[in-house]
Amino acid sequence: MCRNIKTLYNFAPPATDDEVRAASLQFVRKLSGYNTPSKTNEAAFNTAIDEVFAAARKLIDSLETNAPPKDREEEAAKAKARSAERFGRPAEA
């Protein structure tokens, strides 16, 4: 999976449409190999983003869990600490 695509489910506050669309864009970029498509492929690229967005939004909205929602800031701090440990850099405060 593309490392830039983050888990969006079960967070407080819930994932916004902008976050889901950004993940959809990253996914389509990864699949297509294009960062920016040519004019010839632009319509297909944008259609794919819209379709992936719709499927992702539907998925996130239909999932159910008994687990309490995760805190975004707390999860970001954990990720930063894991990165610091992995790459040998001190975590930023």
C-alpha atoms as a PDB file:
ATOM      1  CA  MET A   1       0.000   0.000   0.000  1.00  0.00           C
ATOM      2  CA  CYS A   2       1.097   3.552  -0.591  1.00  0.00           C
ATOM      3  CA  ARG A   3       2.655   4.877   2.592  1.00  0.00           C
ATOM      4  CA  ASN A   4       0.856   8.201   2.202  1.00  0.00           C
ATOM      5  CA  ILE A   5      -2.563   6.610   2.552  1.00  0.00           C
ATOM      6  CA  LYS A   6      -3.554   6.678   6.204  1.00  0.00           C
ATOM      7  CA  THR A   7      -6.175   4.684   8.053  1.00  0.00           C
ATOM      8  CA  LEU A   8      -9.324   6.805   8.096  1.00  0.00           C
ATOM      9  CA  TYR A   9     -11.781   4.595   9.942  1.00  0.00           C
ATOM     10  CA  ASN A  10     -12.755   4.849  13.616  1.00  0.00           C
ATOM     11  CA  PHE A  11     -11.270   8.227  14.469  1.00  0.00           C
ATOM     12  CA  ALA A  12     -12.718  11.091  16.441  1.00  0.00           C
ATOM     13  CA  PRO A  13     -13.610  13.289  14.675  1.00  0.00           C
ATOM     14  CA  PRO A  14     -14.547  11.060  11.693  1.00  0.00           C
ATOM     15  CA  ALA A  15     -12.689  11.293   8.394  1.00  0.00           C
ATOM     16  CA  THR A  16     -13.707  14.246   6.269  1.00  0.00           C
ATOM     17  CA  ASP A  17     -14.558  14.052   2.577  1.00  0.00           C
ATOM     18  CA  ASP A  18     -11.310  15.934   1.881  1.00  0.00           C
ATOM     19  CA  GLU A  19      -9.295  13.234   3.663  1.00  0.00           C
ATOM     20  CA  VAL A  20     -11.072  10.440   1.804  1.00  0.00           C
ATOM     21  CA  ARG A  21     -10.600  12.252  -1.522  1.00  0.00           C
ATOM     22  CA  ALA A  22      -6.877  12.768  -0.796  1.00  0.00           C
ATOM     23  CA  ALA A  23      -6.497   9.036  -0.079  1.00  0.00           C
ATOM     24  CA  SER A  24      -8.394   8.264  -3.294  1.00  0.00           C
ATOM     25  CA  LEU A  25      -6.061  10.513  -5.267  1.00  0.00           C
ATOM     26  CA  GLN A  26      -2.989   8.787  -3.770  1.00  0.00           C
ATOM     27  CA  PHE A  27      -4.452   5.372  -4.578  1.00  0.00           C
ATOM     28  CA  VAL A  28      -5.175   6.294  -8.211  1.00  0.00           C
ATOM     29  CA  ARG A  29      -1.707   7.854  -8.559  1.00  0.00           C
ATOM     30  CA  LYS A  30      -0.136   4.655  -7.267  1.00  0.00           C
ATOM     31  CA  LEU A  31      -2.175   2.412  -9.569  1.00  0.00           C
ATOM     32  CA  SER A  32      -1.729   4.537 -12.677  1.00  0.00           C
ATOM     33  CA  GLY A  33       1.886   5.526 -12.181  1.00  0.00           C
ATOM     34  CA  TYR A  34       0.948   9.143 -12.878  1.00  0.00           C
ATOM     35  CA  ASN A  35       1.417  12.012 -10.481  1.00  0.00           C
ATOM     36  CA  THR A  36      -0.371  14.217 -12.997  1.00  0.00           C
ATOM     37  CA  PRO A  37      -1.946  12.529 -16.021  1.00  0.00           C
ATOM     38  CA  SER A  38      -1.600  13.724 -19.594  1.00  0.00           C
ATOM     39  CA  LYS A  39      -4.511  15.650 -21.120  1.00  0.00           C
ATOM     40  CA  THR A  40      -5.469  12.459 -22.963  1.00  0.00           C
ATOM     41  CA  ASN A  41      -5.781  10.500 -19.706  1.00  0.00           C
ATOM     42  CA  GLU A  42      -7.054  13.289 -17.474  1.00  0.00           C
ATOM     43  CA  ALA A  43     -10.762  12.395 -17.753  1.00  0.00           C
ATOM     44  CA  ALA A  44     -10.136   8.708 -16.966  1.00  0.00           C
ATOM     45  CA  PHE A  45      -7.863   9.680 -14.061  1.00  0.00           C
ATOM     46  CA  ASN A  46     -10.459  12.046 -12.554  1.00  0.00           C
ATOM     47  CA  THR A  47     -13.257   9.517 -13.047  1.00  0.00           C
ATOM     48  CA  ALA A  48     -11.200   6.901 -11.229  1.00  0.00           C
ATOM     49  CA  ILE A  49     -10.620   9.300  -8.317  1.00  0.00           C
ATOM     50  CA  ASP A  50     -14.371   9.973  -8.084  1.00  0.00           C
ATOM     51  CA  GLU A  51     -15.218   6.267  -8.181  1.00  0.00           C
ATOM     52  CA  VAL A  52     -12.595   5.314  -5.591  1.00  0.00           C
ATOM     53  CA  PHE A  53     -13.785   8.193  -3.389  1.00  0.00           C
ATOM     54  CA  ALA A  54     -17.399   6.984  -3.590  1.00  0.00           C
ATOM     55  CA  ALA A  55     -16.431   3.400  -2.755  1.00  0.00           C
ATOM     56  CA  ALA A  56     -14.144   4.476   0.107  1.00  0.00           C
ATOM     57  CA  ARG A  57     -16.712   6.839   1.603  1.00  0.00           C
ATOM     58  CA  LYS A  58     -19.382   4.113   1.391  1.00  0.00           C
ATOM     59  CA  LEU A  59     -17.033   1.625   3.070  1.00  0.00           C
ATOM     60  CA  ILE A  60     -16.033   3.956   5.907  1.00  0.00           C
ATOM     61  CA  ASP A  61     -19.645   4.959   6.525  1.00  0.00           C
ATOM     62  CA  SER A  62     -20.900   1.370   6.612  1.00  0.00           C
ATOM     63  CA  LEU A  63     -18.241  -0.172   8.880  1.00  0.00           C
ATOM     64  CA  GLU A  64     -19.207  -0.907  12.471  1.00  0.00           C
ATOM     65  CA  THR A  65     -17.111  -1.464  15.575  1.00  0.00           C
ATOM     66  CA  ASN A  66     -17.475  -1.693  19.327  1.00  0.00           C
ATOM     67  CA  ALA A  67     -14.011  -0.197  19.812  1.00  0.00           C
ATOM     68  CA  PRO A  68     -13.857   3.390  20.993  1.00  0.00           C
ATOM     69  CA  PRO A  69     -12.727   5.915  18.352  1.00  0.00           C
ATOM     70  CA  LYS A  70      -9.001   6.643  18.243  1.00  0.00           C
ATOM     71  CA  ASP A  71      -7.689  10.111  18.958  1.00  0.00           C
ATOM     72  CA  ARG A  72      -5.986  11.626  15.900  1.00  0.00           C
ATOM     73  CA  GLU A  73      -3.346  13.540  17.837  1.00  0.00           C
ATOM     74  CA  GLU A  74      -2.454  10.535  19.978  1.00  0.00           C
ATOM     75  CA  GLU A  75      -2.113   8.289  16.909  1.00  0.00           C
ATOM     76  CA  ALA A  76       0.029  10.924  15.144  1.00  0.00           C
ATOM     77  CA  ALA A  77       2.353  11.085  18.170  1.00  0.00           C
ATOM     78  CA  LYS A  78       2.678   7.289  18.181  1.00  0.00           C
ATOM     79  CA  ALA A  79       3.516   7.290  14.465  1.00  0.00           C
ATOM     80  CA  LYS A  80       6.125   9.996  14.979  1.00  0.00           C
ATOM     81  CA  ALA A  81       7.713   7.988  17.812  1.00  0.00           C
ATOM     82  CA  ARG A  82       7.777   4.812  15.664  1.00  0.00           C
ATOM     83  CA  SER A  83       9.425   6.756  12.845  1.00  0.00           C
ATOM     84  CA  ALA A  84      12.040   8.185  15.194  1.00  0.00           C
ATOM     85  CA  GLU A  85      12.811   4.724  16.516  1.00  0.00           C
ATOM     86  CA  ARG A  86      12.948   3.202  13.058  1.00  0.00           C
ATOM     87  CA  PHE A  87      15.137   5.866  11.484  1.00  0.00           C
ATOM     88  CA  GLY A  88      17.199   6.734  14.545  1.00  0.00           C
ATOM     89  CA  ARG A  89      16.100  10.341  14.818  1.00  0.00           C
ATOM     90  CA  PRO A  90      14.845  11.921  17.991  1.00  0.00           C
ATOM     91  CA  ALA A  91      11.101  12.515  18.084  1.00  0.00           C
ATOM     92  CA  GLU A  92      10.097  16.154  17.775  1.00  0.00           C
ATOM     93  CA  ALA A  93       8.146  17.649  20.622  1.00  0.00           C
END
